[in-house]
Amino acid sequence: MKQLHRRVVVTGLGILSPIGNTVDDAWYSCIEGKSGITNIDIGLNDNPIKIGGRLKNFSPEDFLNSKEIRRIDPFIQYGIIAANQSIKHSGILESNADLTRVGVNFGAGIGGIDTIEKNKILLEERGYKKVSPFFVPGSIVNMISGLVSIKHGFMGPNTSVVTACSTGNHCIGTAARSIACGEAEVMIAGGAEMASTPLSIAGFIAARALSMSSDPVTASRPWDRDRDGFVLSDGAGSIVLEDFDHAKARGANIYAEIIGFGTSSDAHHMTAPPDDGRGAALAMSNAIADAEINSSDIDYINAHGTSTPLGDVAETIALKSVFGENVPQISSTKSMTGHTLGAAGAIESIFCIKVINEGIIPPTINLENPDPLCDLNYTPLTSINKEVNIAMNNSFGFGGTNSTLVFKKI
């Protein structure tokens, strides 16, 4: 980020996840190694998937009025609620900030599939007049950014990056660049997803991407030899990014600095990574170069680590190619949250920031029988205490899109 002149820091955090609906609750569950995966019922009798990561003890009525809830898809609800958490946490609305210099960059990997499915059924069963007039605006991906901007009067950049499972990272990284180049002083950035629907799950089953385990607690097991796919989950993560001088001038609490952002393409396959992980390695190398640090300066990596047979091996190979014999401590918090698709990068970036602030590295739970091809230090089973000055977060998505963020203690 230095070559773009302005330093970018984190001043607010917000989260909804299967392991907690506040940052503190999610972080406590994370370091305690608590799984958020449970039995779910999507109403299909012949559906082999009976587990997933849904929000618990959550009611949108606690945060949104009934009219808002009727008009917008659950993923938009989740994104707005997480964004509002982070905005409140940052104190930006109480700071007399210039709202023309505050923007939002919030995305999703799939978007409003729940609303699409339900309105398609209405169309077929009751005719076109029964389709909601809010069907389109209530399901499109950029509506989180739009509604957060409308609610708070933010008139800065209003965008939405969509890159499948790397959406959250890409939204945060591109938002940081908006600040670094002077386009904005504050950006609310992140990702949200609610894709645990019948059609979505059927699609992932057809793609052979999901774990077929019947045990919710042990189904997500990155790098374990018994892994058989990822566990689909819902959630949202939001980060308030701010120009360093702006944050200092208003006396904001600063939780970390974002110093590197790297992207790449596998240019290989719609859903599978190349065996050598070259695209992932390039994203990490680009992020390290952007941060103007050495690979040896990185203390912790929250890996993409989805628990898929191909992906975990490819990321391991990529890590070795970038870090050589000195791969830092790694873990996959997806072992607890499952895979929240477009929200994953944002949720896991929040965990990286908490690692920097708390000096605790969360575990990779369920890693009981390591795959011989996955032979790095993945922090199996229990969290560890470790001072972390610089943390990296990886997110890779369908279409071969890769993104890496680097955060630093300040």
Protein backbone atom coordinates (compact mmCIF):
# COMPACT_ATOMS: atom_id res chain seq x y z
CA MET A 1 0.00 0.00 0.00
CA LYS A 2 2.95 2.35 0.51
CA GLN A 3 3.37 3.09 -3.16
CA LEU A 4 -0.12 4.59 -3.13
CA HIS A 5 1.07 6.97 -0.38
CA ARG A 6 -1.70 6.82 2.22
CA ARG A 7 -1.57 4.33 5.08
CA VAL A 8 -4.76 2.34 5.69
CA VAL A 9 -5.81 1.10 9.13
CA VAL A 10 -8.66 -0.90 10.66
CA THR A 11 -10.91 0.96 13.11
CA GLY A 12 -14.06 -1.17 13.26
CA LEU A 13 -15.15 -4.83 13.12
CA GLY A 14 -18.49 -6.62 12.75
CA ILE A 15 -19.43 -10.27 12.30
CA LEU A 16 -22.28 -12.76 12.00
CA SER A 17 -21.12 -16.37 11.89
CA PRO A 18 -22.06 -19.92 12.85
CA ILE A 19 -19.81 -19.55 15.91
CA GLY A 20 -21.05 -16.18 17.10
CA ASN A 21 -23.05 -13.10 16.17
CA THR A 22 -20.63 -10.57 17.64
CA VAL A 23 -16.88 -10.26 17.25
CA ASP A 24 -16.25 -11.16 20.88
CA ASP A 25 -18.51 -14.23 20.81
CA ALA A 26 -17.11 -15.49 17.51
CA TRP A 27 -13.52 -14.95 18.65
CA TYR A 28 -14.08 -16.74 21.96
CA SER A 29 -15.59 -19.74 20.15
CA CYS A 30 -12.74 -19.65 17.66
CA ILE A 31 -9.92 -19.82 20.17
CA GLU A 32 -11.83 -22.42 22.19
CA GLY A 33 -12.09 -24.62 19.08
CA LYS A 34 -15.88 -24.76 19.07
CA SER A 35 -17.56 -26.00 15.92
CA GLY A 36 -20.53 -24.06 14.57
CA ILE A 37 -21.67 -26.85 12.28
CA THR A 38 -25.01 -28.44 13.15
CA ASN A 39 -27.73 -30.61 11.65
CA ILE A 40 -29.93 -28.68 9.23
CA ASP A 41 -33.09 -29.45 7.28
CA ILE A 42 -33.62 -27.78 3.90
CA GLY A 43 -36.86 -29.61 3.18
CA LEU A 44 -35.68 -32.08 0.53
CA ASN A 45 -36.34 -35.69 1.44
CA ASP A 46 -33.74 -37.11 -0.94
CA ASN A 47 -31.06 -34.61 0.01
CA PRO A 48 -27.91 -36.34 1.32
CA ILE A 49 -26.61 -33.17 2.99
CA LYS A 50 -27.93 -32.90 6.53
CA ILE A 51 -25.34 -30.55 8.06
CA GLY A 52 -24.34 -26.93 7.63
CA GLY A 53 -23.25 -23.77 9.36
CA ARG A 54 -26.20 -21.50 9.98
CA LEU A 55 -26.52 -18.56 12.36
CA LYS A 56 -27.73 -19.46 15.85
CA ASN A 57 -29.82 -17.51 18.33
CA PHE A 58 -30.29 -14.93 15.60
CA SER A 59 -33.39 -13.00 14.64
CA PRO A 60 -33.27 -10.27 11.99
CA GLU A 61 -36.18 -8.59 13.80
CA ASP A 62 -33.71 -7.58 16.50
CA PHE A 63 -31.91 -5.36 13.97
CA LEU A 64 -34.23 -4.55 11.06
CA ASN A 65 -37.89 -3.58 10.77
CA SER A 66 -40.46 -5.92 9.23
CA LYS A 67 -40.63 -3.95 5.97
CA GLU A 68 -36.86 -4.21 5.46
CA ILE A 69 -36.90 -7.92 6.19
CA ARG A 70 -39.69 -8.58 3.65
CA ARG A 71 -37.93 -6.64 0.92
CA ILE A 72 -34.37 -7.95 1.04
CA ASP A 73 -32.71 -11.35 0.85
CA PRO A 74 -31.18 -12.80 4.03
CA PHE A 75 -27.64 -12.27 2.69
CA ILE A 76 -28.36 -8.53 2.42
CA GLN A 77 -29.80 -8.55 5.94
CA TYR A 78 -26.64 -10.24 7.23
CA GLY A 79 -24.38 -7.77 5.44
CA ILE A 80 -26.24 -4.72 6.72
CA ILE A 81 -26.21 -6.01 10.30
CA ALA A 82 -22.47 -6.83 10.24
CA ALA A 83 -21.72 -3.49 8.60
CA ASN A 84 -23.71 -1.63 11.25
CA GLN A 85 -21.79 -3.50 13.97
CA SER A 86 -18.49 -2.38 12.48
CA ILE A 87 -19.67 1.20 11.98
CA LYS A 88 -20.78 1.43 15.60
CA HIS A 89 -17.53 -0.16 16.73
CA SER A 90 -15.49 2.40 14.80
CA GLY A 91 -17.29 5.45 16.17
CA ILE A 92 -17.12 7.06 12.73
CA LEU A 93 -20.68 8.45 12.89
CA GLU A 94 -19.87 10.35 16.08
CA SER A 95 -16.73 11.91 14.62
CA ASN A 96 -18.23 14.53 12.29
CA ALA A 97 -16.53 12.80 9.35
CA ASP A 98 -17.13 14.19 5.87
CA LEU A 99 -19.69 11.68 4.58
CA THR A 100 -18.81 12.47 0.96
CA ARG A 101 -15.47 10.79 1.75
CA VAL A 102 -16.98 7.65 3.32
CA GLY A 103 -17.77 4.72 1.03
CA VAL A 104 -18.83 1.07 1.03
CA ASN A 105 -17.47 -1.94 -0.85
CA PHE A 106 -19.45 -5.02 0.15
CA GLY A 107 -20.03 -8.18 -1.87
CA ALA A 108 -21.27 -11.76 -1.93
CA GLY A 109 -20.19 -14.84 -3.79
CA ILE A 110 -23.64 -15.99 -4.89
CA GLY A 111 -26.07 -13.34 -3.68
CA GLY A 112 -29.82 -13.59 -3.28
CA ILE A 113 -30.39 -17.20 -4.20
CA ASP A 114 -32.97 -17.67 -1.44
CA THR A 115 -35.10 -14.87 -2.90
CA ILE A 116 -34.56 -16.13 -6.45
CA GLU A 117 -35.71 -19.64 -5.55
CA LYS A 118 -38.81 -18.45 -3.71
CA ASN A 119 -39.92 -16.05 -6.43
CA LYS A 120 -39.40 -18.69 -9.12
CA ILE A 121 -41.81 -20.94 -7.20
CA LEU A 122 -44.33 -18.09 -6.95
CA LEU A 123 -44.04 -17.46 -10.67
CA GLU A 124 -44.69 -21.08 -11.57
CA GLU A 125 -47.46 -21.72 -9.05
CA ARG A 126 -49.33 -18.40 -8.93
CA GLY A 127 -48.27 -16.35 -11.95
CA TYR A 128 -46.12 -13.32 -12.64
CA LYS A 129 -48.31 -10.91 -10.65
CA LYS A 130 -47.28 -12.64 -7.43
CA VAL A 131 -43.56 -12.01 -7.97
CA SER A 132 -42.40 -9.38 -5.50
CA PRO A 133 -41.70 -5.87 -6.86
CA PHE A 134 -38.60 -6.03 -4.68
CA PHE A 135 -37.40 -9.28 -6.24
CA VAL A 136 -34.63 -7.64 -8.28
CA PRO A 137 -33.38 -4.97 -5.85
CA GLY A 138 -33.85 -7.39 -2.96
CA SER A 139 -31.53 -10.02 -4.41
CA ILE A 140 -28.74 -8.25 -6.31
CA VAL A 141 -25.26 -8.38 -4.84
CA ASN A 142 -24.51 -4.65 -4.64
CA MET A 143 -27.54 -3.87 -2.48
CA ILE A 144 -25.63 -4.24 0.80
CA SER A 145 -23.38 -1.38 -0.28
CA GLY A 146 -26.37 0.57 -1.54
CA LEU A 147 -28.50 0.22 1.58
CA VAL A 148 -25.64 0.84 4.03
CA SER A 149 -24.83 4.02 2.10
CA ILE A 150 -28.47 5.10 2.06
CA LYS A 151 -28.96 4.44 5.77
CA HIS A 152 -25.92 6.42 6.88
CA GLY A 153 -25.62 9.00 4.13
CA PHE A 154 -22.25 7.73 2.90
CA MET A 155 -21.63 9.43 -0.46
CA GLY A 156 -18.17 8.08 -1.23
CA PRO A 157 -17.38 5.10 -3.49
CA ASN A 158 -20.28 2.64 -3.60
CA THR A 159 -19.11 -0.64 -5.09
CA SER A 160 -19.38 -4.40 -4.82
CA VAL A 161 -16.72 -6.89 -5.87
CA VAL A 162 -17.93 -10.40 -6.71
CA THR A 163 -15.24 -13.08 -6.91
CA ALA A 164 -16.87 -16.22 -5.53
CA CYS A 165 -15.14 -17.41 -2.34
CA SER A 166 -12.51 -14.66 -2.44
CA THR A 167 -15.12 -11.87 -2.48
CA GLY A 168 -14.54 -10.70 1.10
CA ASN A 169 -10.79 -10.34 0.61
CA HIS A 170 -11.21 -8.58 -2.72
CA CYS A 171 -13.72 -6.11 -1.27
CA ILE A 172 -11.39 -5.29 1.62
CA GLY A 173 -8.32 -5.01 -0.60
CA THR A 174 -9.92 -2.81 -3.24
CA ALA A 175 -11.52 -0.65 -0.54
CA ALA A 176 -8.09 -0.16 1.02
CA ARG A 177 -6.77 0.95 -2.34
CA SER A 178 -9.59 3.50 -2.62
CA ILE A 179 -8.26 5.06 0.59
CA ALA A 180 -4.59 4.65 -0.30
CA CYS A 181 -5.03 6.54 -3.58
CA GLY A 182 -7.07 9.33 -1.96
CA GLU A 183 -10.49 8.43 -3.36
CA ALA A 184 -11.95 8.08 0.15
CA GLU A 185 -10.99 8.55 3.79
CA VAL A 186 -13.15 5.77 5.24
CA MET A 187 -14.49 2.57 3.65
CA ILE A 188 -16.81 -0.09 5.07
CA ALA A 189 -15.81 -3.35 3.40
CA GLY A 190 -16.64 -7.02 3.62
CA GLY A 191 -18.73 -9.90 2.40
CA ALA A 192 -21.96 -11.74 3.21
CA GLU A 193 -23.64 -14.97 2.19
CA MET A 194 -26.77 -17.01 2.84
CA ALA A 195 -26.56 -19.85 0.35
CA SER A 196 -27.72 -22.85 2.41
CA THR A 197 -30.79 -23.20 0.20
CA PRO A 198 -32.15 -26.26 -1.65
CA LEU A 199 -30.96 -25.20 -5.10
CA SER A 200 -27.55 -24.03 -3.93
CA ILE A 201 -26.90 -27.20 -1.96
CA ALA A 202 -28.08 -29.33 -4.89
CA GLY A 203 -25.64 -27.48 -7.14
CA PHE A 204 -22.71 -28.03 -4.82
CA ILE A 205 -23.65 -31.70 -4.45
CA ALA A 206 -23.63 -32.04 -8.23
CA ALA A 207 -20.19 -30.42 -8.30
CA ARG A 208 -19.01 -32.94 -5.66
CA ALA A 209 -17.75 -30.08 -3.52
CA LEU A 210 -19.51 -30.73 -0.20
CA SER A 211 -18.62 -33.04 2.65
CA MET A 212 -21.00 -35.98 2.80
CA SER A 213 -20.31 -36.56 6.49
CA SER A 214 -23.26 -37.08 8.81
CA ASP A 215 -21.32 -35.85 11.85
CA PRO A 216 -21.61 -32.06 12.02
CA VAL A 217 -18.84 -31.51 14.55
CA THR A 218 -16.11 -33.36 12.66
CA ALA A 219 -17.18 -32.81 9.04
CA SER A 220 -14.96 -29.80 8.36
CA ARG A 221 -11.43 -31.15 8.71
CA PRO A 222 -8.87 -29.24 6.63
CA TRP A 223 -5.68 -31.14 5.80
CA ASP A 224 -6.93 -34.30 7.47
CA ARG A 225 -6.63 -37.44 5.35
CA ASP A 226 -10.34 -38.19 5.95
CA ARG A 227 -11.62 -34.85 4.60
CA ASP A 228 -14.15 -35.15 1.80
CA GLY A 229 -15.28 -31.62 0.96
CA PHE A 230 -16.29 -28.34 2.52
CA VAL A 231 -19.26 -27.61 4.78
CA LEU A 232 -21.54 -24.88 3.44
CA SER A 233 -22.18 -22.05 5.91
CA ASP A 234 -23.80 -18.62 6.15
CA GLY A 235 -22.54 -15.37 7.63
CA ALA A 236 -21.09 -11.92 7.12
CA GLY A 237 -17.99 -9.98 8.07
CA SER A 238 -17.38 -6.24 7.93
CA ILE A 239 -14.30 -4.10 8.48
CA VAL A 240 -14.05 -0.31 8.72
CA LEU A 241 -10.92 0.86 6.93
CA GLU A 242 -9.61 4.37 7.43
CA ASP A 243 -6.85 6.71 6.37
CA PHE A 244 -4.26 6.58 9.15
CA ASP A 245 -4.03 10.36 9.58
CA HIS A 246 -7.82 10.66 9.61
CA ALA A 247 -8.10 7.95 12.29
CA LYS A 248 -5.39 9.53 14.43
CA ALA A 249 -6.91 12.99 14.15
CA ARG A 250 -10.25 11.78 15.53
CA GLY A 251 -8.69 9.63 18.24
CA ALA A 252 -9.99 6.35 16.86
CA ASN A 253 -8.97 2.97 18.24
CA ILE A 254 -6.72 1.37 15.62
CA TYR A 255 -6.65 -2.43 15.56
CA ALA A 256 -4.23 -3.11 12.72
CA GLU A 257 -2.82 -1.70 9.50
CA ILE A 258 -3.46 -3.29 6.13
CA ILE A 259 -0.12 -3.25 4.39
CA GLY A 260 -0.48 -5.70 1.51
CA PHE A 261 -3.00 -6.89 -1.04
CA GLY A 262 -2.23 -9.40 -3.77
CA THR A 263 -4.40 -10.94 -6.47
CA SER A 264 -3.96 -13.43 -9.28
CA SER A 265 -5.70 -15.91 -11.54
CA ASP A 266 -5.03 -19.62 -11.85
CA ALA A 267 -5.95 -19.45 -15.55
CA HIS A 268 -6.57 -23.17 -15.21
CA HIS A 269 -10.11 -24.52 -14.46
CA MET A 270 -13.59 -23.42 -13.43
CA THR A 271 -13.50 -25.07 -10.00
CA ALA A 272 -10.23 -26.96 -9.46
CA PRO A 273 -6.85 -25.40 -8.59
CA PRO A 274 -3.72 -26.35 -10.51
CA ASP A 275 -1.79 -29.12 -8.80
CA ASP A 276 1.17 -26.85 -8.09
CA GLY A 277 -0.94 -24.05 -6.57
CA ARG A 278 0.82 -21.51 -8.78
CA GLY A 279 -2.07 -19.02 -8.78
CA ALA A 280 -2.34 -19.04 -4.99
CA ALA A 281 1.43 -18.67 -4.71
CA LEU A 282 1.35 -15.67 -7.04
CA ALA A 283 -1.34 -13.93 -4.96
CA MET A 284 0.71 -14.43 -1.80
CA SER A 285 3.91 -13.24 -3.47
CA ASN A 286 2.12 -10.17 -4.83
CA ALA A 287 0.76 -9.33 -1.39
CA ILE A 288 4.20 -9.66 0.20
CA ALA A 289 5.70 -7.42 -2.49
CA ASP A 290 2.88 -4.88 -2.03
CA ALA A 291 3.56 -4.84 1.71
CA GLU A 292 7.28 -4.27 1.06
CA ILE A 293 8.25 -6.97 3.53
CA ASN A 294 10.04 -10.31 3.38
CA SER A 295 8.15 -13.58 3.57
CA SER A 296 10.03 -14.30 6.80
CA ASP A 297 8.32 -11.30 8.43
CA ILE A 298 4.94 -13.05 8.41
CA ASP A 299 4.07 -14.73 11.72
CA TYR A 300 0.70 -16.31 10.99
CA ILE A 301 -1.47 -17.32 8.04
CA ASN A 302 -5.21 -17.92 8.14
CA ALA A 303 -5.29 -20.28 5.20
CA HIS A 304 -8.10 -20.77 2.71
CA GLY A 305 -8.17 -24.34 4.06
CA THR A 306 -11.61 -25.45 2.94
CA SER A 307 -11.29 -29.19 3.67
CA THR A 308 -11.41 -30.25 0.02
CA PRO A 309 -9.08 -33.03 -1.18
CA LEU A 310 -7.53 -30.99 -4.03
CA GLY A 311 -7.59 -27.52 -2.55
CA ASP A 312 -5.79 -28.30 0.70
CA VAL A 313 -2.91 -30.00 -1.10
CA ALA A 314 -2.60 -27.22 -3.70
CA GLU A 315 -2.49 -24.53 -0.99
CA THR A 316 0.13 -26.50 0.94
CA ILE A 317 2.32 -26.68 -2.17
CA ALA A 318 1.76 -22.98 -2.80
CA LEU A 319 2.79 -22.09 0.74
CA LYS A 320 5.99 -24.09 0.40
CA SER A 321 6.82 -22.40 -2.89
CA VAL A 322 6.46 -18.94 -1.35
CA PHE A 323 7.98 -19.53 2.09
CA GLY A 324 10.43 -22.36 1.42
CA GLU A 325 11.57 -24.03 4.62
CA ASN A 326 10.20 -21.22 6.80
CA VAL A 327 6.44 -21.51 6.45
CA PRO A 328 4.89 -19.68 9.44
CA GLN A 329 2.20 -20.93 11.80
CA ILE A 330 -1.03 -21.70 9.92
CA SER A 331 -4.59 -22.52 10.83
CA SER A 332 -7.95 -22.81 9.12
CA THR A 333 -10.83 -21.29 11.04
CA LYS A 334 -13.14 -22.89 8.46
CA SER A 335 -12.69 -26.05 10.54
CA MET A 336 -15.06 -24.29 12.98
CA THR A 337 -17.14 -21.94 10.84
CA GLY A 338 -17.42 -24.04 7.72
CA HIS A 339 -17.11 -22.24 4.39
CA THR A 340 -19.11 -19.02 4.24
CA LEU A 341 -18.24 -18.46 0.56
CA GLY A 342 -18.27 -14.72 -0.19
CA ALA A 343 -18.16 -13.86 3.51
CA ALA A 344 -15.16 -16.06 4.29
CA GLY A 345 -12.40 -13.57 3.50
CA ALA A 346 -13.97 -10.87 5.67
CA ILE A 347 -14.67 -13.18 8.61
CA GLU A 348 -11.17 -14.63 8.46
CA SER A 349 -9.58 -11.19 8.13
CA ILE A 350 -11.31 -10.28 11.39
CA PHE A 351 -9.80 -13.36 12.99
CA CYS A 352 -6.36 -12.33 11.69
CA ILE A 353 -6.81 -8.91 13.28
CA LYS A 354 -7.85 -10.52 16.56
CA VAL A 355 -4.79 -12.78 16.43
CA ILE A 356 -2.59 -9.67 16.13
CA ASN A 357 -4.34 -7.96 19.04
CA GLU A 358 -4.70 -10.92 21.37
CA GLY A 359 -1.58 -12.99 20.69
CA ILE A 360 -3.57 -16.22 20.35
CA ILE A 361 -3.60 -18.37 17.22
CA PRO A 362 -6.84 -20.32 16.77
CA PRO A 363 -6.67 -24.03 16.05
CA THR A 364 -7.54 -26.19 13.10
CA ILE A 365 -9.97 -28.53 14.80
CA ASN A 366 -10.57 -32.11 13.62
CA LEU A 367 -7.02 -32.41 12.25
CA GLU A 368 -6.43 -35.79 13.84
CA ASN A 369 -4.90 -37.77 10.97
CA PRO A 370 -2.84 -35.41 8.79
CA ASP A 371 -2.69 -36.09 5.08
CA PRO A 372 0.95 -37.01 4.27
CA LEU A 373 0.80 -34.46 1.44
CA CYS A 374 -0.18 -31.76 3.94
CA ASP A 375 2.79 -31.61 6.25
CA LEU A 376 2.98 -28.04 7.57
CA ASN A 377 2.25 -26.67 11.04
CA TYR A 378 -1.51 -26.14 10.85
CA THR A 379 -2.03 -25.62 14.62
CA PRO A 380 -3.95 -28.86 15.12
CA LEU A 381 -6.77 -29.21 17.66
CA THR A 382 -5.91 -26.47 20.18
CA SER A 383 -5.05 -22.79 20.06
CA ILE A 384 -1.59 -21.54 21.02
CA ASN A 385 -0.22 -18.33 22.50
CA LYS A 386 2.12 -16.53 20.12
CA GLU A 387 3.04 -12.91 19.51
CA VAL A 388 1.98 -12.01 15.98
CA ASN A 389 3.07 -8.76 14.38
CA ILE A 390 2.09 -9.58 10.80
CA ALA A 391 -0.72 -11.90 9.67
CA MET A 392 -1.78 -13.06 6.21
CA ASN A 393 -5.21 -14.14 5.03
CA ASN A 394 -5.79 -16.28 1.91
CA SER A 395 -9.01 -16.59 -0.07
CA PHE A 396 -9.36 -18.46 -3.37
CA GLY A 397 -12.50 -18.86 -5.46
CA PHE A 398 -14.18 -20.63 -8.36
CA GLY A 399 -13.00 -19.31 -11.69
CA GLY A 400 -9.43 -19.45 -10.43
CA THR A 401 -9.56 -16.10 -8.63
CA ASN A 402 -7.12 -15.61 -5.75
CA SER A 403 -6.64 -12.89 -3.15
CA THR A 404 -4.32 -12.37 -0.20
CA LEU A 405 -4.32 -9.68 2.47
CA VAL A 406 -1.54 -8.77 4.89
CA PHE A 407 -2.25 -7.07 8.24
CA LYS A 408 0.28 -5.56 10.65
CA LYS A 409 0.24 -4.63 14.32
CA ILE A 410 0.36 -0.90 14.90
